[in-house]
Every structure is written in C-alpha cells, then in structure tokens.
Amino acid sequence: MRKKTNLFLFVFLAFLTLWFLGQALIELQSYLRLSQKTQAHIDRWEIVETKGGKYSIQAVYHYEIQGKEYINENSFQKHPFLNKYSAKETLQDFAKKTWEAWYDPNDPGFSQLFKEFPVKSGVRGLIVLGIFLYFVFLYGRMKKKFVF
C-alpha cells in the first residue's frame, strides 16, 4: 500500500511540475516570438466585464507590415480592474498614448500591444520544480536509511 501511495505522489508531483513548467515555457516562447514592433492604430477601446465582477480593457487595432494590413484585438486581462470607474480612467490614459504592436516577423498576424516577460509563471514553475526535486532527493535519502 505504501509503495502505491508513494508512486501516486511521485506521478502527481511530476505531472504538476511538467504542467507549470510547460505553461512557463509556452509563455516564454510567445514572448520571444514578438521580436519586431511597428506603429499600431487603435480602432476601438472597450471595457469588458470578466469573471468575478472584475473589468478589463480591450482594444481593436490595426497595423501594416510590408504593405499588408493586419487587424487584431488585445485584451489587458493580466491587469484586471475592481470597478468600472478605474477601468474607464485607465482607458482614457491609454487612449492618449501612441501604441506600437509587437509582432512575429515569421507570422505578422501574431501580435500584441505590450510585451511582458513571463516572470510570474517562470517563478511558479521554478518553485514547483524545486519542490519536486526536494521530494525526489528526500525519497532517495530515506531509501538509503530505511528499507521500504
């Protein structure tokens, strides 16, 4: 019974580690794809209600690469607002700014209005990896001292 429990915990922690590291790598790959930037023209700003009664700002924009026009939309969901008033205030500030679209030169249709390094998911992935390696190390030490 103990071996099955240990195996289950090991597989669960391994899956959890792969999940968080996978998310971090996907976000890092997306960040690295956005290597070029160009002038973006905002067509429309919106305030959208998200889960839990929070609000986010959404923009529809277009940009031109080598004579071809691309249209995209960007949601600022990573920075939600607790009320509509604060979202509206920030939207007014955003509307005054000049925006640049970050895009992938190999796929110019893939773009974002901002480029943020995925620190949070990277740190989370490294923490889970550290916990997993700690338990693997601990299991190895205990196996030497005690016979299961």
N, C-alpha and C. Protein backbone atom coordinates (compact mmCIF):
# COMPACT_ATOMS: atom_id res chain seq x y z
N MET A 1 0.83 -1.20 0.00
CA MET A 1 0.00 0.00 0.00
C MET A 1 0.86 1.26 0.00
N ARG A 2 1.94 1.22 0.77
CA ARG A 2 2.82 2.38 0.88
C ARG A 2 3.50 2.67 -0.46
N LYS A 3 3.90 1.62 -1.19
CA LYS A 3 4.54 1.82 -2.49
C LYS A 3 3.59 2.46 -3.48
N LYS A 4 2.32 2.05 -3.43
CA LYS A 4 1.33 2.64 -4.34
C LYS A 4 1.10 4.11 -4.01
N THR A 5 1.08 4.44 -2.73
CA THR A 5 0.90 5.84 -2.32
C THR A 5 2.10 6.67 -2.75
N ASN A 6 3.29 6.13 -2.54
CA ASN A 6 4.50 6.85 -2.96
C ASN A 6 4.53 7.05 -4.47
N LEU A 7 4.16 6.02 -5.20
CA LEU A 7 4.14 6.12 -6.66
C LEU A 7 3.11 7.14 -7.12
N PHE A 8 1.94 7.13 -6.49
CA PHE A 8 0.90 8.11 -6.84
C PHE A 8 1.39 9.53 -6.58
N LEU A 9 2.00 9.77 -5.42
CA LEU A 9 2.50 11.10 -5.09
C LEU A 9 3.60 11.53 -6.05
N PHE A 10 4.48 10.61 -6.40
CA PHE A 10 5.55 10.91 -7.34
C PHE A 10 4.99 11.29 -8.71
N VAL A 11 4.05 10.51 -9.21
CA VAL A 11 3.45 10.79 -10.52
C VAL A 11 2.67 12.10 -10.48
N PHE A 12 1.94 12.34 -9.40
CA PHE A 12 1.18 13.58 -9.26
C PHE A 12 2.11 14.80 -9.25
N LEU A 13 3.19 14.73 -8.46
CA LEU A 13 4.14 15.84 -8.41
C LEU A 13 4.86 16.03 -9.74
N ALA A 14 5.17 14.94 -10.41
CA ALA A 14 5.82 15.03 -11.72
C ALA A 14 4.89 15.70 -12.72
N PHE A 15 3.62 15.31 -12.71
CA PHE A 15 2.64 15.92 -13.61
C PHE A 15 2.47 17.40 -13.31
N LEU A 16 2.36 17.74 -12.04
CA LEU A 16 2.22 19.13 -11.62
C LEU A 16 3.43 19.96 -12.06
N THR A 17 4.61 19.41 -11.89
CA THR A 17 5.84 20.10 -12.30
C THR A 17 5.86 20.32 -13.81
N LEU A 18 5.55 19.28 -14.56
CA LEU A 18 5.51 19.41 -16.02
C LEU A 18 4.46 20.43 -16.47
N TRP A 19 3.33 20.47 -15.79
CA TRP A 19 2.26 21.40 -16.13
C TRP A 19 2.73 22.86 -15.96
N PHE A 20 3.29 23.16 -14.80
CA PHE A 20 3.71 24.54 -14.53
C PHE A 20 4.92 24.94 -15.39
N LEU A 21 5.86 24.03 -15.56
CA LEU A 21 7.00 24.34 -16.43
C LEU A 21 6.55 24.50 -17.88
N GLY A 22 5.60 23.68 -18.30
CA GLY A 22 5.06 23.79 -19.66
C GLY A 22 4.40 25.14 -19.88
N GLN A 23 3.59 25.59 -18.92
CA GLN A 23 2.95 26.90 -19.03
C GLN A 23 4.00 28.00 -19.12
N ALA A 24 5.04 27.92 -18.31
CA ALA A 24 6.09 28.93 -18.32
C ALA A 24 6.82 28.94 -19.67
N LEU A 25 7.10 27.77 -20.20
CA LEU A 25 7.79 27.69 -21.49
C LEU A 25 6.93 28.19 -22.64
N ILE A 26 5.63 27.92 -22.59
CA ILE A 26 4.73 28.42 -23.63
C ILE A 26 4.68 29.94 -23.60
N GLU A 27 4.58 30.52 -22.40
CA GLU A 27 4.57 31.98 -22.29
C GLU A 27 5.91 32.58 -22.70
N LEU A 28 7.01 31.92 -22.38
CA LEU A 28 8.33 32.39 -22.78
C LEU A 28 8.48 32.35 -24.30
N GLN A 29 8.00 31.28 -24.91
CA GLN A 29 8.07 31.15 -26.37
C GLN A 29 7.25 32.24 -27.03
N SER A 30 6.08 32.53 -26.48
CA SER A 30 5.23 33.59 -27.02
C SER A 30 5.93 34.95 -26.88
N TYR A 31 6.59 35.17 -25.75
CA TYR A 31 7.33 36.42 -25.52
C TYR A 31 8.47 36.56 -26.53
N LEU A 32 9.22 35.48 -26.75
CA LEU A 32 10.36 35.53 -27.66
C LEU A 32 9.94 35.68 -29.12
N ARG A 33 8.75 35.22 -29.47
CA ARG A 33 8.26 35.37 -30.84
C ARG A 33 8.07 36.84 -31.22
N LEU A 34 7.69 37.65 -30.25
CA LEU A 34 7.39 39.05 -30.51
C LEU A 34 8.69 39.86 -30.54
N SER A 35 9.39 39.81 -31.66
CA SER A 35 10.72 40.42 -31.73
C SER A 35 10.76 41.73 -32.52
N GLN A 36 9.72 42.04 -33.26
CA GLN A 36 9.67 43.27 -34.06
C GLN A 36 8.50 44.13 -33.58
N LYS A 37 8.61 45.44 -33.83
CA LYS A 37 7.49 46.30 -33.48
C LYS A 37 7.25 47.32 -34.58
N THR A 38 6.00 47.77 -34.66
CA THR A 38 5.61 48.75 -35.64
C THR A 38 4.50 49.63 -35.05
N GLN A 39 4.21 50.73 -35.71
CA GLN A 39 3.18 51.65 -35.25
C GLN A 39 1.80 50.98 -35.33
N ALA A 40 1.04 51.05 -34.25
CA ALA A 40 -0.32 50.49 -34.22
C ALA A 40 -1.34 51.63 -34.15
N HIS A 41 -2.44 51.46 -34.84
CA HIS A 41 -3.53 52.44 -34.82
C HIS A 41 -4.74 51.80 -34.16
N ILE A 42 -5.17 52.38 -33.04
CA ILE A 42 -6.28 51.82 -32.27
C ILE A 42 -7.59 52.22 -32.94
N ASP A 43 -8.40 51.21 -33.27
CA ASP A 43 -9.70 51.45 -33.89
C ASP A 43 -10.80 51.62 -32.84
N ARG A 44 -10.71 50.83 -31.77
CA ARG A 44 -11.79 50.86 -30.77
C ARG A 44 -11.28 50.38 -29.42
N TRP A 45 -11.70 51.06 -28.38
CA TRP A 45 -11.44 50.66 -27.00
C TRP A 45 -12.75 50.20 -26.37
N GLU A 46 -12.68 49.18 -25.53
CA GLU A 46 -13.87 48.70 -24.82
C GLU A 46 -13.49 48.32 -23.39
N ILE A 47 -14.47 48.43 -22.51
CA ILE A 47 -14.33 47.91 -21.15
C ILE A 47 -15.22 46.67 -21.08
N VAL A 48 -14.61 45.55 -20.73
CA VAL A 48 -15.30 44.26 -20.73
C VAL A 48 -15.34 43.71 -19.31
N GLU A 49 -16.52 43.24 -18.90
CA GLU A 49 -16.64 42.62 -17.58
C GLU A 49 -16.16 41.18 -17.68
N THR A 50 -15.28 40.80 -16.76
CA THR A 50 -14.73 39.45 -16.75
C THR A 50 -15.27 38.67 -15.56
N LYS A 51 -14.69 37.52 -15.30
CA LYS A 51 -15.13 36.67 -14.19
C LYS A 51 -15.02 37.40 -12.86
N GLY A 52 -15.94 37.13 -11.99
CA GLY A 52 -15.87 37.66 -10.64
C GLY A 52 -16.19 39.14 -10.53
N GLY A 53 -16.84 39.70 -11.52
CA GLY A 53 -17.22 41.10 -11.45
C GLY A 53 -16.08 42.08 -11.66
N LYS A 54 -14.96 41.61 -12.19
CA LYS A 54 -13.84 42.49 -12.48
C LYS A 54 -13.95 42.98 -13.93
N TYR A 55 -13.15 43.97 -14.26
CA TYR A 55 -13.21 44.57 -15.59
C TYR A 55 -11.82 44.57 -16.23
N SER A 56 -11.81 44.47 -17.54
CA SER A 56 -10.56 44.58 -18.28
C SER A 56 -10.78 45.48 -19.49
N ILE A 57 -9.68 45.97 -20.01
CA ILE A 57 -9.73 46.85 -21.18
C ILE A 57 -9.37 46.02 -22.40
N GLN A 58 -10.09 46.26 -23.48
CA GLN A 58 -9.86 45.54 -24.72
C GLN A 58 -9.70 46.57 -25.84
N ALA A 59 -8.75 46.31 -26.74
CA ALA A 59 -8.51 47.21 -27.85
C ALA A 59 -8.54 46.45 -29.17
N VAL A 60 -9.14 47.05 -30.17
CA VAL A 60 -9.09 46.54 -31.53
C VAL A 60 -8.17 47.49 -32.29
N TYR A 61 -7.16 46.95 -32.93
CA TYR A 61 -6.16 47.79 -33.58
C TYR A 61 -5.74 47.20 -34.92
N HIS A 62 -5.10 48.03 -35.72
CA HIS A 62 -4.54 47.56 -36.99
C HIS A 62 -3.13 48.11 -37.15
N TYR A 63 -2.37 47.42 -37.96
CA TYR A 63 -1.00 47.82 -38.24
C TYR A 63 -0.63 47.30 -39.62
N GLU A 64 0.44 47.84 -40.16
CA GLU A 64 0.84 47.48 -41.52
C GLU A 64 2.27 46.96 -41.53
N ILE A 65 2.46 45.82 -42.21
CA ILE A 65 3.77 45.22 -42.37
C ILE A 65 3.98 44.95 -43.86
N GLN A 66 4.99 45.55 -44.45
CA GLN A 66 5.34 45.37 -45.85
C GLN A 66 4.13 45.54 -46.77
N GLY A 67 3.36 46.59 -46.52
CA GLY A 67 2.22 46.91 -47.37
C GLY A 67 0.95 46.12 -47.10
N LYS A 68 0.99 45.17 -46.20
CA LYS A 68 -0.20 44.38 -45.87
C LYS A 68 -0.72 44.80 -44.51
N GLU A 69 -2.04 45.02 -44.43
CA GLU A 69 -2.65 45.47 -43.18
C GLU A 69 -3.16 44.27 -42.37
N TYR A 70 -2.92 44.32 -41.08
CA TYR A 70 -3.36 43.28 -40.15
C TYR A 70 -4.25 43.92 -39.09
N ILE A 71 -5.31 43.21 -38.73
CA ILE A 71 -6.22 43.67 -37.68
C ILE A 71 -6.20 42.64 -36.56
N ASN A 72 -6.12 43.13 -35.34
CA ASN A 72 -6.04 42.23 -34.20
C ASN A 72 -6.74 42.86 -33.01
N GLU A 73 -7.01 42.08 -32.01
CA GLU A 73 -7.56 42.64 -30.77
C GLU A 73 -6.72 42.16 -29.60
N ASN A 74 -6.62 43.03 -28.62
CA ASN A 74 -5.77 42.77 -27.46
C ASN A 74 -6.57 43.03 -26.20
N SER A 75 -6.56 42.08 -25.29
CA SER A 75 -7.24 42.24 -24.02
C SER A 75 -6.20 42.37 -22.91
N PHE A 76 -6.37 43.34 -22.07
CA PHE A 76 -5.46 43.58 -20.97
C PHE A 76 -5.97 42.84 -19.73
N GLN A 77 -6.16 41.53 -19.83
CA GLN A 77 -6.73 40.73 -18.74
C GLN A 77 -5.76 40.43 -17.62
N LYS A 78 -4.47 40.55 -17.87
CA LYS A 78 -3.50 40.27 -16.81
C LYS A 78 -3.54 41.33 -15.72
N HIS A 79 -4.15 42.46 -16.02
CA HIS A 79 -4.25 43.55 -15.06
C HIS A 79 -5.72 43.96 -14.91
N PRO A 80 -6.52 43.13 -14.20
CA PRO A 80 -7.95 43.44 -14.08
C PRO A 80 -8.21 44.62 -13.14
N PHE A 81 -9.35 45.24 -13.35
CA PHE A 81 -9.79 46.36 -12.51
C PHE A 81 -10.94 45.91 -11.64
N LEU A 82 -11.00 46.41 -10.42
CA LEU A 82 -12.04 46.01 -9.49
C LEU A 82 -13.37 46.69 -9.77
N ASN A 83 -13.33 47.86 -10.42
CA ASN A 83 -14.58 48.54 -10.76
C ASN A 83 -14.48 49.20 -12.12
N LYS A 84 -15.63 49.54 -12.65
CA LYS A 84 -15.69 50.11 -14.00
C LYS A 84 -15.07 51.51 -14.05
N TYR A 85 -15.17 52.24 -12.95
CA TYR A 85 -14.64 53.60 -12.91
C TYR A 85 -13.12 53.62 -13.11
N SER A 86 -12.41 52.74 -12.40
CA SER A 86 -10.95 52.72 -12.54
C SER A 86 -10.54 52.23 -13.93
N ALA A 87 -11.32 51.30 -14.50
CA ALA A 87 -11.04 50.85 -15.87
C ALA A 87 -11.24 51.99 -16.85
N LYS A 88 -12.30 52.78 -16.64
CA LYS A 88 -12.58 53.91 -17.54
C LYS A 88 -11.48 54.97 -17.44
N GLU A 89 -11.01 55.21 -16.24
CA GLU A 89 -9.94 56.18 -16.02
C GLU A 89 -8.65 55.74 -16.73
N THR A 90 -8.30 54.47 -16.61
CA THR A 90 -7.12 53.94 -17.28
C THR A 90 -7.30 53.94 -18.78
N LEU A 91 -8.51 53.62 -19.25
CA LEU A 91 -8.78 53.63 -20.68
C LEU A 91 -8.56 55.03 -21.26
N GLN A 92 -8.94 56.07 -20.55
CA GLN A 92 -8.72 57.44 -21.01
C GLN A 92 -7.23 57.74 -21.13
N ASP A 93 -6.44 57.23 -20.19
CA ASP A 93 -4.99 57.40 -20.27
C ASP A 93 -4.42 56.61 -21.46
N PHE A 94 -4.91 55.39 -21.66
CA PHE A 94 -4.46 54.57 -22.78
C PHE A 94 -4.77 55.23 -24.12
N ALA A 95 -5.94 55.85 -24.21
CA ALA A 95 -6.37 56.47 -25.47
C ALA A 95 -5.45 57.62 -25.88
N LYS A 96 -4.80 58.24 -24.92
CA LYS A 96 -3.90 59.36 -25.21
C LYS A 96 -2.53 58.90 -25.71
N LYS A 97 -2.17 57.64 -25.42
CA LYS A 97 -0.85 57.13 -25.75
C LYS A 97 -0.73 56.76 -27.23
N THR A 98 0.50 56.77 -27.70
CA THR A 98 0.81 56.23 -29.02
C THR A 98 1.25 54.78 -28.81
N TRP A 99 0.63 53.86 -29.53
CA TRP A 99 0.87 52.44 -29.31
C TRP A 99 1.69 51.83 -30.43
N GLU A 100 2.49 50.85 -30.05
CA GLU A 100 3.24 50.05 -31.01
C GLU A 100 2.81 48.60 -30.86
N ALA A 101 2.70 47.92 -31.98
CA ALA A 101 2.34 46.50 -31.96
C ALA A 101 3.61 45.66 -32.07
N TRP A 102 3.80 44.76 -31.13
CA TRP A 102 4.88 43.80 -31.20
C TRP A 102 4.39 42.62 -32.03
N TYR A 103 5.18 42.17 -33.00
CA TYR A 103 4.71 41.08 -33.85
C TYR A 103 5.84 40.11 -34.16
N ASP A 104 5.44 38.94 -34.64
CA ASP A 104 6.37 37.89 -35.03
C ASP A 104 6.72 38.11 -36.50
N PRO A 105 7.98 38.32 -36.87
CA PRO A 105 8.33 38.55 -38.27
C PRO A 105 8.03 37.35 -39.18
N ASN A 106 8.01 36.15 -38.61
CA ASN A 106 7.68 34.95 -39.40
C ASN A 106 6.17 34.78 -39.57
N ASP A 107 5.38 35.37 -38.68
CA ASP A 107 3.92 35.31 -38.73
C ASP A 107 3.38 36.67 -38.29
N PRO A 108 3.37 37.67 -39.19
CA PRO A 108 2.99 39.03 -38.79
C PRO A 108 1.56 39.17 -38.25
N GLY A 109 0.73 38.17 -38.43
CA GLY A 109 -0.62 38.22 -37.88
C GLY A 109 -0.64 38.00 -36.38
N PHE A 110 0.43 37.47 -35.83
CA PHE A 110 0.55 37.24 -34.39
C PHE A 110 1.16 38.49 -33.77
N SER A 111 0.37 39.21 -32.97
CA SER A 111 0.87 40.46 -32.39
C SER A 111 0.21 40.74 -31.05
N GLN A 112 0.82 41.68 -30.32
CA GLN A 112 0.27 42.17 -29.06
C GLN A 112 0.67 43.64 -28.92
N LEU A 113 -0.10 44.35 -28.14
CA LEU A 113 0.21 45.76 -27.91
C LEU A 113 1.26 45.96 -26.83
N PHE A 114 1.51 44.96 -26.05
CA PHE A 114 2.52 45.06 -24.99
C PHE A 114 3.28 43.75 -24.94
N LYS A 115 4.49 43.84 -24.46
CA LYS A 115 5.35 42.67 -24.38
C LYS A 115 5.89 42.60 -22.96
N GLU A 116 5.42 41.61 -22.21
CA GLU A 116 5.83 41.43 -20.82
C GLU A 116 6.54 40.10 -20.66
N PHE A 117 7.67 40.15 -19.99
CA PHE A 117 8.38 38.90 -19.70
C PHE A 117 7.57 38.10 -18.68
N PRO A 118 7.39 36.80 -18.91
CA PRO A 118 6.54 35.98 -18.02
C PRO A 118 7.22 35.61 -16.70
N VAL A 119 7.46 36.60 -15.88
CA VAL A 119 8.16 36.39 -14.61
C VAL A 119 7.34 35.49 -13.68
N LYS A 120 6.05 35.80 -13.54
CA LYS A 120 5.21 35.09 -12.57
C LYS A 120 5.14 33.58 -12.88
N SER A 121 4.89 33.23 -14.12
CA SER A 121 4.79 31.81 -14.45
C SER A 121 6.16 31.14 -14.38
N GLY A 122 7.22 31.86 -14.69
CA GLY A 122 8.57 31.31 -14.59
C GLY A 122 8.95 31.01 -13.15
N VAL A 123 8.66 31.94 -12.25
CA VAL A 123 8.96 31.74 -10.84
C VAL A 123 8.12 30.58 -10.29
N ARG A 124 6.84 30.55 -10.67
CA ARG A 124 5.96 29.47 -10.23
C ARG A 124 6.49 28.11 -10.69
N GLY A 125 6.92 28.04 -11.96
CA GLY A 125 7.47 26.79 -12.49
C GLY A 125 8.73 26.36 -11.77
N LEU A 126 9.61 27.33 -11.47
CA LEU A 126 10.85 27.01 -10.76
C LEU A 126 10.58 26.57 -9.32
N ILE A 127 9.60 27.17 -8.67
CA ILE A 127 9.24 26.77 -7.30
C ILE A 127 8.72 25.33 -7.27
N VAL A 128 7.83 25.01 -8.21
CA VAL A 128 7.28 23.65 -8.25
C VAL A 128 8.39 22.65 -8.60
N LEU A 129 9.29 23.03 -9.50
CA LEU A 129 10.42 22.16 -9.84
C LEU A 129 11.30 21.94 -8.61
N GLY A 130 11.56 22.99 -7.85
CA GLY A 130 12.35 22.87 -6.62
C GLY A 130 11.70 21.94 -5.62
N ILE A 131 10.39 22.06 -5.45
CA ILE A 131 9.67 21.18 -4.52
C ILE A 131 9.75 19.73 -5.00
N PHE A 132 9.58 19.52 -6.29
CA PHE A 132 9.66 18.17 -6.84
C PHE A 132 11.05 17.58 -6.62
N LEU A 133 12.09 18.35 -6.93
CA LEU A 133 13.45 17.84 -6.75
C LEU A 133 13.77 17.60 -5.28
N TYR A 134 13.22 18.43 -4.40
CA TYR A 134 13.41 18.22 -2.96
C TYR A 134 12.82 16.88 -2.53
N PHE A 135 11.61 16.57 -2.99
CA PHE A 135 10.99 15.31 -2.61
C PHE A 135 11.71 14.12 -3.23
N VAL A 136 12.22 14.26 -4.44
CA VAL A 136 13.00 13.17 -5.04
C VAL A 136 14.26 12.94 -4.22
N PHE A 137 14.94 14.02 -3.84
CA PHE A 137 16.14 13.91 -3.01
C PHE A 137 15.82 13.29 -1.65
N LEU A 138 14.74 13.75 -1.05
CA LEU A 138 14.33 13.24 0.26
C LEU A 138 13.99 11.75 0.18
N TYR A 139 13.29 11.35 -0.86
CA TYR A 139 12.95 9.94 -1.05
C TYR A 139 14.21 9.10 -1.21
N GLY A 140 15.18 9.61 -1.97
CA GLY A 140 16.44 8.89 -2.16
C GLY A 140 17.21 8.73 -0.85
N ARG A 141 17.22 9.77 -0.03
CA ARG A 141 17.91 9.71 1.28
C ARG A 141 17.23 8.73 2.20
N MET A 142 15.90 8.76 2.21
CA MET A 142 15.16 7.86 3.10
C MET A 142 15.30 6.42 2.64
N LYS A 143 15.40 6.19 1.37
CA LYS A 143 15.51 4.85 0.83
C LYS A 143 16.84 4.22 1.25
N LYS A 144 17.89 5.07 1.35
CA LYS A 144 19.20 4.56 1.78
C LYS A 144 19.18 4.16 3.25
N LYS A 145 18.49 4.96 4.09
CA LYS A 145 18.47 4.69 5.53
C LYS A 145 17.47 3.63 5.91
N PHE A 146 16.30 3.64 5.26
CA PHE A 146 15.23 2.71 5.61
C PHE A 146 14.90 1.87 4.39
N VAL A 147 14.56 0.65 4.59
CA VAL A 147 14.14 -0.22 3.50
C VAL A 147 12.62 -0.20 3.47
N PHE A 148 12.08 0.15 2.31
CA PHE A 148 10.61 0.21 2.18
C PHE A 148 10.07 -1.11 1.74
